[in-house]
Amino acid sequence: MGKCCSGDVDSVVPITSTRYAINKLKLPVKTAWRPWSINDEVGGYVEEYEGLTSVTVRDAGHFVPSYQPARALTMISSFLQGVLPPP
């Protein structure tokens, strides 16, 4: 399964461009767009499609781990465990 990650303040590849590209693929949605959390705060948003998972990371720029290391760790750990980030 493919994974896609975007910082929501990324000026290099804006989240709108990522979502536009994903929408052009016309993949069926498995899990609707929803927030994910870390430490009782919204860490970003996640949407799961057939064969692709898209995650945004709140307050992160183009290099997500350098802007939001804790949120990036939660996201990457979830990917490696084969689960969506926690709601």
PDB file of N, CA and C in Angstrom:
ATOM      1  N   MET A   1       0.839  -1.174   0.000  1.00  0.00           N
ATOM      2  CA  MET A   1       0.000   0.000   0.000  1.00  0.00           C
ATOM      3  C   MET A   1       0.884   1.237   0.000  1.00  0.00           C
ATOM      4  N   GLY A   2       0.530   2.224  -0.806  1.00  0.00           N
ATOM      5  CA  GLY A   2       1.280   3.465  -0.889  1.00  0.00           C
ATOM      6  C   GLY A   2       0.964   4.403   0.263  1.00  0.00           C
ATOM      7  N   LYS A   3       1.938   5.224   0.607  1.00  0.00           N
ATOM      8  CA  LYS A   3       1.776   6.213   1.667  1.00  0.00           C
ATOM      9  C   LYS A   3       2.133   7.581   1.105  1.00  0.00           C
ATOM     10  N   CYS A   4       1.430   8.596   1.566  1.00  0.00           N
ATOM     11  CA  CYS A   4       1.647   9.957   1.119  1.00  0.00           C
ATOM     12  C   CYS A   4       1.551  10.859   2.336  1.00  0.00           C
ATOM     13  N   CYS A   5       2.490  11.771   2.492  1.00  0.00           N
ATOM     14  CA  CYS A   5       2.515  12.651   3.654  1.00  0.00           C
ATOM     15  C   CYS A   5       2.749  14.076   3.188  1.00  0.00           C
ATOM     16  N   SER A   6       2.020  15.017   3.765  1.00  0.00           N
ATOM     17  CA  SER A   6       2.188  16.435   3.446  1.00  0.00           C
ATOM     18  C   SER A   6       2.124  17.261   4.717  1.00  0.00           C
ATOM     19  N   GLY A   7       3.041  18.215   4.831  1.00  0.00           N
ATOM     20  CA  GLY A   7       2.917  19.214   5.882  1.00  0.00           C
ATOM     21  C   GLY A   7       1.855  20.212   5.448  1.00  0.00           C
ATOM     22  N   ASP A   8       1.006  20.638   6.368  1.00  0.00           N
ATOM     23  CA  ASP A   8      -0.088  21.513   5.940  1.00  0.00           C
ATOM     24  C   ASP A   8       0.328  22.958   5.690  1.00  0.00           C
ATOM     25  N   VAL A   9       1.577  23.315   6.005  1.00  0.00           N
ATOM     26  CA  VAL A   9       2.087  24.644   5.648  1.00  0.00           C
ATOM     27  C   VAL A   9       3.269  24.527   4.680  1.00  0.00           C
ATOM     28  N   ASP A  10       3.310  23.444   3.929  1.00  0.00           N
ATOM     29  CA  ASP A  10       4.351  23.188   2.936  1.00  0.00           C
ATOM     30  C   ASP A  10       4.144  24.118   1.742  1.00  0.00           C
ATOM     31  N   SER A  11       5.109  25.008   1.491  1.00  0.00           N
ATOM     32  CA  SER A  11       4.997  25.919   0.345  1.00  0.00           C
ATOM     33  C   SER A  11       5.606  25.324  -0.916  1.00  0.00           C
ATOM     34  N   VAL A  12       6.333  24.215  -0.798  1.00  0.00           N
ATOM     35  CA  VAL A  12       6.949  23.563  -1.960  1.00  0.00           C
ATOM     36  C   VAL A  12       5.917  22.697  -2.678  1.00  0.00           C
ATOM     37  N   VAL A  13       5.241  21.827  -1.924  1.00  0.00           N
ATOM     38  CA  VAL A  13       4.163  20.991  -2.465  1.00  0.00           C
ATOM     39  C   VAL A  13       2.951  21.186  -1.547  1.00  0.00           C
ATOM     40  N   PRO A  14       2.121  22.187  -1.832  1.00  0.00           N
ATOM     41  CA  PRO A  14       0.972  22.460  -0.964  1.00  0.00           C
ATOM     42  C   PRO A  14       0.012  21.272  -0.890  1.00  0.00           C
ATOM     43  N   ILE A  15      -0.648  21.151   0.250  1.00  0.00           N
ATOM     44  CA  ILE A  15      -1.595  20.051   0.451  1.00  0.00           C
ATOM     45  C   ILE A  15      -2.688  20.067  -0.611  1.00  0.00           C
ATOM     46  N   THR A  16      -3.054  21.244  -1.091  1.00  0.00           N
ATOM     47  CA  THR A  16      -4.079  21.308  -2.144  1.00  0.00           C
ATOM     48  C   THR A  16      -3.608  20.587  -3.399  1.00  0.00           C
ATOM     49  N   SER A  17      -2.328  20.694  -3.722  1.00  0.00           N
ATOM     50  CA  SER A  17      -1.781  19.990  -4.892  1.00  0.00           C
ATOM     51  C   SER A  17      -1.774  18.482  -4.671  1.00  0.00           C
ATOM     52  N   THR A  18      -1.417  18.065  -3.476  1.00  0.00           N
ATOM     53  CA  THR A  18      -1.419  16.634  -3.155  1.00  0.00           C
ATOM     54  C   THR A  18      -2.833  16.069  -3.275  1.00  0.00           C
ATOM     55  N   ARG A  19      -3.800  16.772  -2.695  1.00  0.00           N
ATOM     56  CA  ARG A  19      -5.188  16.292  -2.746  1.00  0.00           C
ATOM     57  C   ARG A  19      -5.721  16.305  -4.179  1.00  0.00           C
ATOM     58  N   TYR A  20      -5.339  17.301  -4.962  1.00  0.00           N
ATOM     59  CA  TYR A  20      -5.760  17.355  -6.366  1.00  0.00           C
ATOM     60  C   TYR A  20      -5.233  16.126  -7.114  1.00  0.00           C
ATOM     61  N   ALA A  21      -3.951  15.818  -6.919  1.00  0.00           N
ATOM     62  CA  ALA A  21      -3.349  14.660  -7.599  1.00  0.00           C
ATOM     63  C   ALA A  21      -4.026  13.357  -7.173  1.00  0.00           C
ATOM     64  N   ILE A  22      -4.290  13.204  -5.889  1.00  0.00           N
ATOM     65  CA  ILE A  22      -4.960  11.991  -5.404  1.00  0.00           C
ATOM     66  C   ILE A  22      -6.363  11.886  -5.992  1.00  0.00           C
ATOM     67  N   ASN A  23      -7.087  12.994  -6.019  1.00  0.00           N
ATOM     68  CA  ASN A  23      -8.445  12.977  -6.580  1.00  0.00           C
ATOM     69  C   ASN A  23      -8.445  12.567  -8.050  1.00  0.00           C
ATOM     70  N   LYS A  24      -7.396  12.938  -8.789  1.00  0.00           N
ATOM     71  CA  LYS A  24      -7.302  12.558 -10.205  1.00  0.00           C
ATOM     72  C   LYS A  24      -7.166  11.045 -10.372  1.00  0.00           C
ATOM     73  N   LEU A  25      -6.674  10.351  -9.350  1.00  0.00           N
ATOM     74  CA  LEU A  25      -6.537   8.893  -9.411  1.00  0.00           C
ATOM     75  C   LEU A  25      -7.879   8.176  -9.292  1.00  0.00           C
ATOM     76  N   LYS A  26      -8.886   8.873  -8.763  1.00  0.00           N
ATOM     77  CA  LYS A  26     -10.238   8.314  -8.608  1.00  0.00           C
ATOM     78  C   LYS A  26     -10.248   6.988  -7.828  1.00  0.00           C
ATOM     79  N   LEU A  27      -9.471   6.957  -6.754  1.00  0.00           N
ATOM     80  CA  LEU A  27      -9.419   5.761  -5.910  1.00  0.00           C
ATOM     81  C   LEU A  27     -10.624   5.721  -4.977  1.00  0.00           C
ATOM     82  N   PRO A  28     -11.162   4.538  -4.723  1.00  0.00           N
ATOM     83  CA  PRO A  28     -12.256   4.431  -3.752  1.00  0.00           C
ATOM     84  C   PRO A  28     -11.757   4.763  -2.339  1.00  0.00           C
ATOM     85  N   VAL A  29     -12.565   5.508  -1.598  1.00  0.00           N
ATOM     86  CA  VAL A  29     -12.221   5.883  -0.221  1.00  0.00           C
ATOM     87  C   VAL A  29     -12.600   4.743   0.719  1.00  0.00           C
ATOM     88  N   LYS A  30     -11.630   4.311   1.554  1.00  0.00           N
ATOM     89  CA  LYS A  30     -11.885   3.280   2.567  1.00  0.00           C
ATOM     90  C   LYS A  30     -12.202   3.908   3.918  1.00  0.00           C
ATOM     91  N   THR A  31     -11.467   4.969   4.271  1.00  0.00           N
ATOM     92  CA  THR A  31     -11.683   5.686   5.527  1.00  0.00           C
ATOM     93  C   THR A  31     -11.744   7.170   5.200  1.00  0.00           C
ATOM     94  N   ALA A  32     -12.866   7.801   5.516  1.00  0.00           N
ATOM     95  CA  ALA A  32     -13.069   9.214   5.185  1.00  0.00           C
ATOM     96  C   ALA A  32     -12.071  10.114   5.919  1.00  0.00           C
ATOM     97  N   TRP A  33     -11.832  11.273   5.335  1.00  0.00           N
ATOM     98  CA  TRP A  33     -10.969  12.321   5.879  1.00  0.00           C
ATOM     99  C   TRP A  33     -11.347  12.567   7.335  1.00  0.00           C
ATOM    100  N   ARG A  34     -10.367  12.421   8.238  1.00  0.00           N
ATOM    101  CA  ARG A  34     -10.633  12.622   9.663  1.00  0.00           C
ATOM    102  C   ARG A  34      -9.367  13.115  10.351  1.00  0.00           C
ATOM    103  N   PRO A  35      -9.507  13.784  11.498  1.00  0.00           N
ATOM    104  CA  PRO A  35      -8.317  14.206  12.233  1.00  0.00           C
ATOM    105  C   PRO A  35      -7.640  13.015  12.905  1.00  0.00           C
ATOM    106  N   TRP A  36      -6.332  13.126  13.094  1.00  0.00           N
ATOM    107  CA  TRP A  36      -5.614  12.172  13.931  1.00  0.00           C
ATOM    108  C   TRP A  36      -4.964  12.972  15.051  1.00  0.00           C
ATOM    109  N   SER A  37      -4.640  12.302  16.159  1.00  0.00           N
ATOM    110  CA  SER A  37      -4.226  13.017  17.366  1.00  0.00           C
ATOM    111  C   SER A  37      -2.907  12.530  17.937  1.00  0.00           C
ATOM    112  N   ILE A  38      -2.285  13.440  18.673  1.00  0.00           N
ATOM    113  CA  ILE A  38      -1.103  13.134  19.478  1.00  0.00           C
ATOM    114  C   ILE A  38      -1.168  14.043  20.706  1.00  0.00           C
ATOM    115  N   ASN A  39      -1.021  13.472  21.880  1.00  0.00           N
ATOM    116  CA  ASN A  39      -1.064  14.238  23.138  1.00  0.00           C
ATOM    117  C   ASN A  39      -2.311  15.113  23.245  1.00  0.00           C
ATOM    118  N   ASP A  40      -3.459  14.561  22.904  1.00  0.00           N
ATOM    119  CA  ASP A  40      -4.746  15.269  22.989  1.00  0.00           C
ATOM    120  C   ASP A  40      -4.826  16.515  22.110  1.00  0.00           C
ATOM    121  N   GLU A  41      -4.013  16.569  21.051  1.00  0.00           N
ATOM    122  CA  GLU A  41      -4.067  17.655  20.069  1.00  0.00           C
ATOM    123  C   GLU A  41      -4.221  17.052  18.686  1.00  0.00           C
ATOM    124  N   VAL A  42      -4.813  17.823  17.787  1.00  0.00           N
ATOM    125  CA  VAL A  42      -4.893  17.377  16.395  1.00  0.00           C
ATOM    126  C   VAL A  42      -3.485  17.404  15.812  1.00  0.00           C
ATOM    127  N   GLY A  43      -3.036  16.230  15.341  1.00  0.00           N
ATOM    128  CA  GLY A  43      -1.714  16.128  14.725  1.00  0.00           C
ATOM    129  C   GLY A  43      -1.762  16.383  13.234  1.00  0.00           C
ATOM    130  N   GLY A  44      -2.947  16.241  12.657  1.00  0.00           N
ATOM    131  CA  GLY A  44      -3.145  16.426  11.222  1.00  0.00           C
ATOM    132  C   GLY A  44      -4.414  15.706  10.815  1.00  0.00           C
ATOM    133  N   TYR A  45      -4.460  15.327   9.546  1.00  0.00           N
ATOM    134  CA  TYR A  45      -5.645  14.642   9.015  1.00  0.00           C
ATOM    135  C   TYR A  45      -5.205  13.446   8.194  1.00  0.00           C
ATOM    136  N   VAL A  46      -6.062  12.437   8.141  1.00  0.00           N
ATOM    137  CA  VAL A  46      -5.744  11.211   7.409  1.00  0.00           C
ATOM    138  C   VAL A  46      -6.951  10.810   6.576  1.00  0.00           C
ATOM    139  N   GLU A  47      -6.680  10.268   5.404  1.00  0.00           N
ATOM    140  CA  GLU A  47      -7.717   9.674   4.564  1.00  0.00           C
ATOM    141  C   GLU A  47      -7.111   8.447   3.908  1.00  0.00           C
ATOM    142  N   GLU A  48      -7.847   7.345   3.985  1.00  0.00           N
ATOM    143  CA  GLU A  48      -7.365   6.082   3.422  1.00  0.00           C
ATOM    144  C   GLU A  48      -8.174   5.748   2.175  1.00  0.00           C
ATOM    145  N   TYR A  49      -7.445   5.449   1.114  1.00  0.00           N
ATOM    146  CA  TYR A  49      -8.040   5.042  -0.153  1.00  0.00           C
ATOM    147  C   TYR A  49      -7.683   3.584  -0.410  1.00  0.00           C
ATOM    148  N   GLU A  50      -8.268   3.001  -1.416  1.00  0.00           N
ATOM    149  CA  GLU A  50      -7.891   1.652  -1.848  1.00  0.00           C
ATOM    150  C   GLU A  50      -6.473   1.740  -2.416  1.00  0.00           C
ATOM    151  N   GLY A  51      -5.480   1.219  -1.676  1.00  0.00           N
ATOM    152  CA  GLY A  51      -4.099   1.203  -2.144  1.00  0.00           C
ATOM    153  C   GLY A  51      -3.264   2.424  -1.811  1.00  0.00           C
ATOM    154  N   LEU A  52      -3.809   3.396  -1.079  1.00  0.00           N
ATOM    155  CA  LEU A  52      -3.060   4.619  -0.764  1.00  0.00           C
ATOM    156  C   LEU A  52      -3.581   5.225   0.535  1.00  0.00           C
ATOM    157  N   THR A  53      -2.668   5.681   1.378  1.00  0.00           N
ATOM    158  CA  THR A  53      -3.036   6.416   2.583  1.00  0.00           C
ATOM    159  C   THR A  53      -2.414   7.796   2.497  1.00  0.00           C
ATOM    160  N   SER A  54      -3.209   8.825   2.728  1.00  0.00           N
ATOM    161  CA  SER A  54      -2.742  10.208   2.700  1.00  0.00           C
ATOM    162  C   SER A  54      -2.855  10.798   4.098  1.00  0.00           C
ATOM    163  N   VAL A  55      -1.745  11.375   4.576  1.00  0.00           N
ATOM    164  CA  VAL A  55      -1.712  11.969   5.908  1.00  0.00           C
ATOM    165  C   VAL A  55      -1.165  13.385   5.808  1.00  0.00           C
ATOM    166  N   THR A  56      -1.822  14.325   6.496  1.00  0.00           N
ATOM    167  CA  THR A  56      -1.258  15.661   6.641  1.00  0.00           C
ATOM    168  C   THR A  56      -0.734  15.793   8.063  1.00  0.00           C
ATOM    169  N   VAL A  57       0.267  16.645   8.223  1.00  0.00           N
ATOM    170  CA  VAL A  57       0.833  16.903   9.543  1.00  0.00           C
ATOM    171  C   VAL A  57       0.678  18.397   9.815  1.00  0.00           C
ATOM    172  N   ARG A  58      -0.013  18.701  10.896  1.00  0.00           N
ATOM    173  CA  ARG A  58      -0.325  20.091  11.237  1.00  0.00           C
ATOM    174  C   ARG A  58       0.935  20.879  11.594  1.00  0.00           C
ATOM    175  N   ASP A  59       1.003  22.102  11.080  1.00  0.00           N
ATOM    176  CA  ASP A  59       2.107  23.042  11.334  1.00  0.00           C
ATOM    177  C   ASP A  59       3.459  22.535  10.844  1.00  0.00           C
ATOM    178  N   ALA A  60       3.465  21.693   9.819  1.00  0.00           N
ATOM    179  CA  ALA A  60       4.724  21.180   9.267  1.00  0.00           C
ATOM    180  C   ALA A  60       4.923  21.714   7.854  1.00  0.00           C
ATOM    181  N   GLY A  61       6.179  22.005   7.530  1.00  0.00           N
ATOM    182  CA  GLY A  61       6.544  22.414   6.184  1.00  0.00           C
ATOM    183  C   GLY A  61       6.971  21.207   5.359  1.00  0.00           C
ATOM    184  N   HIS A  62       7.800  21.463   4.332  1.00  0.00           N
ATOM    185  CA  HIS A  62       8.164  20.431   3.367  1.00  0.00           C
ATOM    186  C   HIS A  62       8.911  19.251   4.001  1.00  0.00           C
ATOM    187  N   PHE A  63       9.794  19.511   4.946  1.00  0.00           N
ATOM    188  CA  PHE A  63      10.534  18.444   5.630  1.00  0.00           C
ATOM    189  C   PHE A  63       9.859  18.191   6.981  1.00  0.00           C
ATOM    190  N   VAL A  64       8.799  17.410   6.941  1.00  0.00           N
ATOM    191  CA  VAL A  64       7.913  17.210   8.093  1.00  0.00           C
ATOM    192  C   VAL A  64       8.672  16.897   9.384  1.00  0.00           C
ATOM    193  N   PRO A  65       9.604  15.925   9.410  1.00  0.00           N
ATOM    194  CA  PRO A  65      10.264  15.595  10.685  1.00  0.00           C
ATOM    195  C   PRO A  65      11.062  16.750  11.291  1.00  0.00           C
ATOM    196  N   SER A  66      11.581  17.653  10.467  1.00  0.00           N
ATOM    197  CA  SER A  66      12.349  18.764  11.032  1.00  0.00           C
ATOM    198  C   SER A  66      11.437  19.837  11.627  1.00  0.00           C
ATOM    199  N   TYR A  67      10.194  19.925  11.156  1.00  0.00           N
ATOM    200  CA  TYR A  67       9.246  20.904  11.682  1.00  0.00           C
ATOM    201  C   TYR A  67       8.445  20.361  12.864  1.00  0.00           C
ATOM    202  N   GLN A  68       8.049  19.096  12.775  1.00  0.00           N
ATOM    203  CA  GLN A  68       7.181  18.482  13.786  1.00  0.00           C
ATOM    204  C   GLN A  68       7.663  17.063  14.097  1.00  0.00           C
ATOM    205  N   PRO A  69       8.786  16.928  14.814  1.00  0.00           N
ATOM    206  CA  PRO A  69       9.349  15.592  15.038  1.00  0.00           C
ATOM    207  C   PRO A  69       8.422  14.620  15.769  1.00  0.00           C
ATOM    208  N   ALA A  70       7.708  15.057  16.788  1.00  0.00           N
ATOM    209  CA  ALA A  70       6.828  14.136  17.531  1.00  0.00           C
ATOM    210  C   ALA A  70       5.667  13.674  16.659  1.00  0.00           C
ATOM    211  N   ARG A  71       5.086  14.595  15.909  1.00  0.00           N
ATOM    212  CA  ARG A  71       3.981  14.228  15.018  1.00  0.00           C
ATOM    213  C   ARG A  71       4.475  13.314  13.904  1.00  0.00           C
ATOM    214  N   ALA A  72       5.667  13.600  13.384  1.00  0.00           N
ATOM    215  CA  ALA A  72       6.236  12.747  12.333  1.00  0.00           C
ATOM    216  C   ALA A  72       6.481  11.338  12.862  1.00  0.00           C
ATOM    217  N   LEU A  73       6.986  11.228  14.083  1.00  0.00           N
ATOM    218  CA  LEU A  73       7.235   9.912  14.675  1.00  0.00           C
ATOM    219  C   LEU A  73       5.935   9.123  14.828  1.00  0.00           C
ATOM    220  N   THR A  74       4.881   9.776  15.281  1.00  0.00           N
ATOM    221  CA  THR A  74       3.582   9.106  15.408  1.00  0.00           C
ATOM    222  C   THR A  74       3.101   8.615  14.054  1.00  0.00           C
ATOM    223  N   MET A  75       3.209   9.476  13.037  1.00  0.00           N
ATOM    224  CA  MET A  75       2.765   9.117  11.693  1.00  0.00           C
ATOM    225  C   MET A  75       3.583   7.945  11.138  1.00  0.00           C
ATOM    226  N   ILE A  76       4.897   8.030  11.227  1.00  0.00           N
ATOM    227  CA  ILE A  76       5.769   6.986  10.683  1.00  0.00           C
ATOM    228  C   ILE A  76       5.578   5.674  11.444  1.00  0.00           C
ATOM    229  N   SER A  77       5.464   5.750  12.767  1.00  0.00           N
ATOM    230  CA  SER A  77       5.224   4.538  13.565  1.00  0.00           C
ATOM    231  C   SER A  77       3.924   3.863  13.152  1.00  0.00           C
ATOM    232  N   SER A  78       2.888   4.661  12.919  1.00  0.00           N
ATOM    233  CA  SER A  78       1.604   4.105  12.469  1.00  0.00           C
ATOM    234  C   SER A  78       1.760   3.419  11.126  1.00  0.00           C
ATOM    235  N   PHE A  79       2.457   4.075  10.188  1.00  0.00           N
ATOM    236  CA  PHE A  79       2.696   3.477   8.871  1.00  0.00           C
ATOM    237  C   PHE A  79       3.405   2.131   9.011  1.00  0.00           C
ATOM    238  N   LEU A  80       4.456   2.086   9.842  1.00  0.00           N
ATOM    239  CA  LEU A  80       5.232   0.852  10.001  1.00  0.00           C
ATOM    240  C   LEU A  80       4.421  -0.265  10.663  1.00  0.00           C
ATOM    241  N   GLN A  81       3.477   0.103  11.516  1.00  0.00           N
ATOM    242  CA  GLN A  81       2.617  -0.891  12.172  1.00  0.00           C
ATOM    243  C   GLN A  81       1.434  -1.292  11.296  1.00  0.00           C
ATOM    244  N   GLY A  82       1.273  -0.614  10.169  1.00  0.00           N
ATOM    245  CA  GLY A  82       0.172  -0.936   9.261  1.00  0.00           C
ATOM    246  C   GLY A  82      -1.184  -0.454   9.736  1.00  0.00           C
ATOM    247  N   VAL A  83      -1.183   0.589  10.566  1.00  0.00           N
ATOM    248  CA  VAL A  83      -2.436   1.159  11.071  1.00  0.00           C
ATOM    249  C   VAL A  83      -2.485   2.650  10.747  1.00  0.00           C
ATOM    250  N   LEU A  84      -3.684   3.220  10.821  1.00  0.00           N
ATOM    251  CA  LEU A  84      -3.828   4.661  10.640  1.00  0.00           C
ATOM    252  C   LEU A  84      -3.409   5.367  11.918  1.00  0.00           C
ATOM    253  N   PRO A  85      -2.935   6.621  11.821  1.00  0.00           N
ATOM    254  CA  PRO A  85      -2.631   7.365  13.045  1.00  0.00           C
ATOM    255  C   PRO A  85      -3.865   7.431  13.949  1.00  0.00           C
ATOM    256  N   PRO A  86      -3.658   7.516  15.265  1.00  0.00           N
ATOM    257  CA  PRO A  86      -4.784   7.451  16.208  1.00  0.00           C
ATOM    258  C   PRO A  86      -5.743   8.628  16.076  1.00  0.00           C
ATOM    259  N   PRO A  87      -7.043   8.358  16.260  1.00  0.00           N
ATOM    260  CA  PRO A  87      -8.028   9.458  16.182  1.00  0.00           C
ATOM    261  C   PRO A  87      -7.917  10.403  17.371  1.00  0.00           C
TER     262      PRO A  87
END
